[in-house]
Structures are given as structure tokens and as C-alpha cells.
Protein backbone atom coordinates (compact mmCIF):
# COMPACT_ATOMS: atom_id res chain seq x y z
CA MET A 1 124.22 181.20 100.47
CA ASP A 2 124.87 177.90 102.21
CA GLU A 3 127.47 175.57 100.77
CA THR A 4 126.06 172.23 99.64
CA ASP A 5 127.64 168.97 100.74
CA THR A 6 128.84 168.34 97.18
CA ASP A 7 130.39 171.79 96.95
CA ARG A 8 132.11 171.34 100.31
CA ARG A 9 133.64 168.04 99.22
CA LYS A 10 134.78 169.56 95.90
CA ARG A 11 136.34 172.51 97.73
CA LEU A 12 138.17 170.20 100.13
CA THR A 13 139.40 168.06 97.25
CA PHE A 14 140.77 171.15 95.51
CA ARG A 15 142.45 172.34 98.73
CA SER A 16 143.94 168.90 99.20
CA TRP A 17 145.52 168.80 95.73
CA HIS A 18 146.69 172.44 95.73
CA ARG A 19 148.66 172.88 98.97
CA GLY A 20 151.90 174.48 97.87
CA THR A 21 154.29 171.58 98.29
CA LYS A 22 154.31 168.53 96.04
CA GLU A 23 154.62 166.18 99.02
CA ALA A 24 151.51 167.62 100.67
CA ASP A 25 149.64 167.67 97.35
CA MET A 26 150.31 163.98 96.84
CA LEU A 27 149.53 162.95 100.40
CA LEU A 28 146.40 165.02 100.91
CA GLY A 29 145.20 164.72 97.32
CA ARG A 30 145.37 160.93 97.44
CA PHE A 31 143.57 161.01 100.78
CA ALA A 32 140.83 163.20 99.29
CA ASP A 33 140.42 160.92 96.28
CA VAL A 34 140.14 157.82 98.47
CA HIS A 35 138.13 159.06 101.46
CA LEU A 36 136.32 162.39 101.02
CA ALA A 37 133.23 160.90 99.37
CA THR A 38 132.51 158.70 102.37
CA LEU A 39 133.44 160.93 105.32
CA SER A 40 130.69 162.06 107.68
CA GLN A 41 130.04 165.74 108.30
CA ASP A 42 131.93 165.53 111.60
CA GLN A 43 134.89 163.90 109.88
CA LEU A 44 134.83 166.58 107.17
CA ALA A 45 135.00 169.22 109.90
CA ARG A 46 138.03 167.50 111.46
CA TYR A 47 139.71 167.27 108.06
CA GLU A 48 139.00 170.93 107.35
CA ALA A 49 140.56 171.90 110.69
CA LEU A 50 143.60 169.77 109.89
CA LEU A 51 144.04 171.52 106.53
CA GLU A 52 144.50 174.84 108.34
CA ASN A 53 147.95 173.67 109.45
CA PRO A 54 151.14 174.36 107.47
CA ASP A 55 152.32 171.67 105.07
CA PRO A 56 155.58 170.94 106.94
CA ASP A 57 153.64 170.22 110.13
CA LEU A 58 151.11 168.00 108.38
CA TYR A 59 153.82 166.05 106.59
CA ALA A 60 155.85 165.59 109.79
CA TRP A 61 152.81 164.34 111.70
CA VAL A 62 151.64 161.92 109.02
CA THR A 63 155.12 160.49 108.47
CA ASP A 64 155.80 160.23 112.22
CA LEU A 65 158.72 162.65 112.10
CA ARG A 66 157.01 164.53 114.95
CA PRO A 67 154.22 163.56 117.33
CA VAL A 68 150.72 164.52 116.32
CA PRO A 69 149.19 167.15 118.65
CA ALA A 70 146.32 165.69 120.65
CA GLU A 71 143.69 167.87 118.94
CA PHE A 72 144.64 166.40 115.54
CA ASP A 73 145.24 162.81 116.64
CA THR A 74 141.87 161.64 115.35
CA ASP A 75 140.34 159.10 113.01
CA ILE A 76 141.24 161.42 110.15
CA MET A 77 144.93 161.31 111.04
CA ALA A 78 144.73 157.51 111.22
CA LEU A 79 143.21 157.44 107.73
CA LEU A 80 145.89 159.82 106.43
CA LYS A 81 148.59 157.55 107.81
CA GLN A 82 146.96 154.55 106.11
CA VAL A 83 147.00 156.38 102.77
CA GLN A 84 150.63 157.42 103.35
CA ASN A 85 151.67 153.83 104.07
CA GLY A 86 149.54 152.26 101.33
CA PRO A 87 150.41 151.40 97.73
CA LEU A 88 151.19 154.20 95.27
CA SER A 89 148.46 153.09 92.88
CA ASP A 90 144.88 152.08 93.59
């Protein structure tokens, strides 16, 4: 059975809020709440690929503790950094 677009977005939202570390949950969960509804299918694919990385790597890349590998230095990473640097409440 093929996954619907709605189901895919719900699955990615769940994965974003249930990472394993509170820091990653907050960062990725907030990103999902703000952006997942409006991402294109290509952007969703890039976000899904990014989620395959370990939390410490993701956090280090988004917070500029380490350089972002070229394959993940995309529009999605730029959006994640905006969410990270934005206000704590919407």
C-alpha cells in the first residue's frame, strides 16, 4: 500500500518529535510544526534523508558547532537554522 501525502507528513512529524534526545526533539519538532505542511515532495525527501543522521550530528550542524556536510547543506538545513535561531514561541 502506498503512503499518502498526509500520512507521510504525519510520520515525519512523529519522527521529528520523538528522536531520543530532548534537544533534537525540540529542534526538529518545532521545525516540523512550522514547515512540514508546506514543504514540496522534494523537500520532504531531503528532510527524510536528514532525519537518518544521529541526533548529535544534526544538532552540531544546525547550531554551527560543526560544518554541515555538502549533501545536507540544502534549503532544509537553512530552514532548520532559521527555526533554531527564531523565537521560542510562535
